[in-house]
């Protein structure tokens, strides 16, 4: 994976339910290769979200203010 520096990946012990944050400069081909490698892990995580952008956790109040209501 030439376009991705593994030091930029924030979590390497990948488990179901994890969110992986990759740098926003990662190109589509590198992202596709990374996703393929995730599928090769044993056991392969079933529910992993991968994002190529800056993500931050916000509070429920902030989500409500943005119009995202929990059901």
C-alpha atoms as a PDB file:
ATOM      1  CA  UNK A   1       0.000   0.000   0.000  1.00  0.00           C
ATOM      2  CA  UNK A   2       2.124   2.807  -1.273  1.00  0.00           C
ATOM      3  CA  UNK A   3      -0.252   5.703  -0.487  1.00  0.00           C
ATOM      4  CA  UNK A   4      -0.803   4.860   3.168  1.00  0.00           C
ATOM      5  CA  UNK A   5       1.636   5.231   6.037  1.00  0.00           C
ATOM      6  CA  UNK A   6       0.571   2.718   8.692  1.00  0.00           C
ATOM      7  CA  UNK A   7       1.682   5.176  11.369  1.00  0.00           C
ATOM      8  CA  UNK A   8      -1.306   7.275  10.258  1.00  0.00           C
ATOM      9  CA  UNK A   9      -3.799   4.531  11.174  1.00  0.00           C
ATOM     10  CA  UNK A  10      -5.028   5.194  14.682  1.00  0.00           C
ATOM     11  CA  UNK A  11      -5.939   1.656  15.718  1.00  0.00           C
ATOM     12  CA  UNK A  12      -4.334  -1.576  14.571  1.00  0.00           C
ATOM     13  CA  UNK A  13      -5.955  -4.165  16.866  1.00  0.00           C
ATOM     14  CA  UNK A  14      -9.126  -4.276  14.817  1.00  0.00           C
ATOM     15  CA  UNK A  15     -12.295  -5.735  16.319  1.00  0.00           C
ATOM     16  CA  UNK A  16     -15.972  -5.785  15.371  1.00  0.00           C
ATOM     17  CA  UNK A  17     -17.557  -2.386  15.860  1.00  0.00           C
ATOM     18  CA  UNK A  18     -14.343  -0.370  15.438  1.00  0.00           C
ATOM     19  CA  UNK A  19     -14.135   2.847  13.458  1.00  0.00           C
ATOM     20  CA  UNK A  20     -10.826   3.261  11.612  1.00  0.00           C
ATOM     21  CA  UNK A  21      -9.747   6.778  10.696  1.00  0.00           C
ATOM     22  CA  UNK A  22      -7.413   7.041   7.716  1.00  0.00           C
ATOM     23  CA  UNK A  23      -5.845  10.303   6.554  1.00  0.00           C
ATOM     24  CA  UNK A  24      -7.983  12.287   4.126  1.00  0.00           C
ATOM     25  CA  UNK A  25      -5.229  12.176   1.473  1.00  0.00           C
ATOM     26  CA  UNK A  26      -5.579   8.384   0.966  1.00  0.00           C
ATOM     27  CA  UNK A  27      -6.598   7.708  -2.640  1.00  0.00           C
ATOM     28  CA  UNK A  28      -9.399   5.362  -3.700  1.00  0.00           C
ATOM     29  CA  UNK A  29      -7.058   2.603  -4.919  1.00  0.00           C
ATOM     30  CA  UNK A  30      -5.203   2.523  -1.595  1.00  0.00           C
ATOM     31  CA  UNK A  31      -8.473   2.546   0.338  1.00  0.00           C
ATOM     32  CA  UNK A  32      -9.751  -0.381  -1.741  1.00  0.00           C
ATOM     33  CA  UNK A  33      -6.548  -2.317  -1.080  1.00  0.00           C
ATOM     34  CA  UNK A  34      -6.778  -1.554   2.646  1.00  0.00           C
ATOM     35  CA  UNK A  35     -10.378  -2.814   2.735  1.00  0.00           C
ATOM     36  CA  UNK A  36      -9.282  -5.996   0.950  1.00  0.00           C
ATOM     37  CA  UNK A  37      -6.582  -6.552   3.553  1.00  0.00           C
ATOM     38  CA  UNK A  38      -9.150  -6.121   6.336  1.00  0.00           C
ATOM     39  CA  UNK A  39     -11.178  -8.951   4.799  1.00  0.00           C
ATOM     40  CA  UNK A  40      -8.087 -11.199   4.899  1.00  0.00           C
ATOM     41  CA  UNK A  41      -7.684 -10.921   8.692  1.00  0.00           C
ATOM     42  CA  UNK A  42      -8.390 -14.039  10.728  1.00  0.00           C
ATOM     43  CA  UNK A  43     -10.949 -13.774  12.122  1.00  0.00           C
ATOM     44  CA  UNK A  44     -12.174 -11.088   9.742  1.00  0.00           C
ATOM     45  CA  UNK A  45     -13.997  -8.262  11.534  1.00  0.00           C
ATOM     46  CA  UNK A  46     -17.615  -8.125  10.353  1.00  0.00           C
ATOM     47  CA  UNK A  47     -18.660  -4.622  11.397  1.00  0.00           C
ATOM     48  CA  UNK A  48     -15.864  -2.108  10.818  1.00  0.00           C
ATOM     49  CA  UNK A  49     -16.337   1.446   9.569  1.00  0.00           C
ATOM     50  CA  UNK A  50     -13.479   3.042   7.638  1.00  0.00           C
ATOM     51  CA  UNK A  51     -13.417   6.798   7.057  1.00  0.00           C
ATOM     52  CA  UNK A  52     -10.912   8.935   5.181  1.00  0.00           C
ATOM     53  CA  UNK A  53     -11.523  12.247   6.894  1.00  0.00           C
ATOM     54  CA  UNK A  54     -11.314  13.947  10.250  1.00  0.00           C
ATOM     55  CA  UNK A  55     -13.978  12.532  12.565  1.00  0.00           C
ATOM     56  CA  UNK A  56     -14.765  13.563  16.096  1.00  0.00           C
ATOM     57  CA  UNK A  57     -17.210  12.244  18.647  1.00  0.00           C
ATOM     58  CA  UNK A  58     -19.995  14.662  19.469  1.00  0.00           C
ATOM     59  CA  UNK A  59     -22.469  14.668  22.312  1.00  0.00           C
ATOM     60  CA  UNK A  60     -26.136  13.772  22.036  1.00  0.00           C
ATOM     61  CA  UNK A  61     -26.984  17.459  22.591  1.00  0.00           C
ATOM     62  CA  UNK A  62     -24.797  18.430  19.621  1.00  0.00           C
ATOM     63  CA  UNK A  63     -26.468  15.755  17.480  1.00  0.00           C
ATOM     64  CA  UNK A  64     -29.913  17.056  18.477  1.00  0.00           C
ATOM     65  CA  UNK A  65     -28.847  20.620  17.610  1.00  0.00           C
ATOM     66  CA  UNK A  66     -27.791  19.365  14.170  1.00  0.00           C
ATOM     67  CA  UNK A  67     -31.193  17.685  13.682  1.00  0.00           C
ATOM     68  CA  UNK A  68     -29.987  14.110  14.256  1.00  0.00           C
ATOM     69  CA  UNK A  69     -32.422  12.636  16.743  1.00  0.00           C
ATOM     70  CA  UNK A  70     -31.996   9.286  18.441  1.00  0.00           C
ATOM     71  CA  UNK A  71     -34.981   6.948  18.128  1.00  0.00           C
END
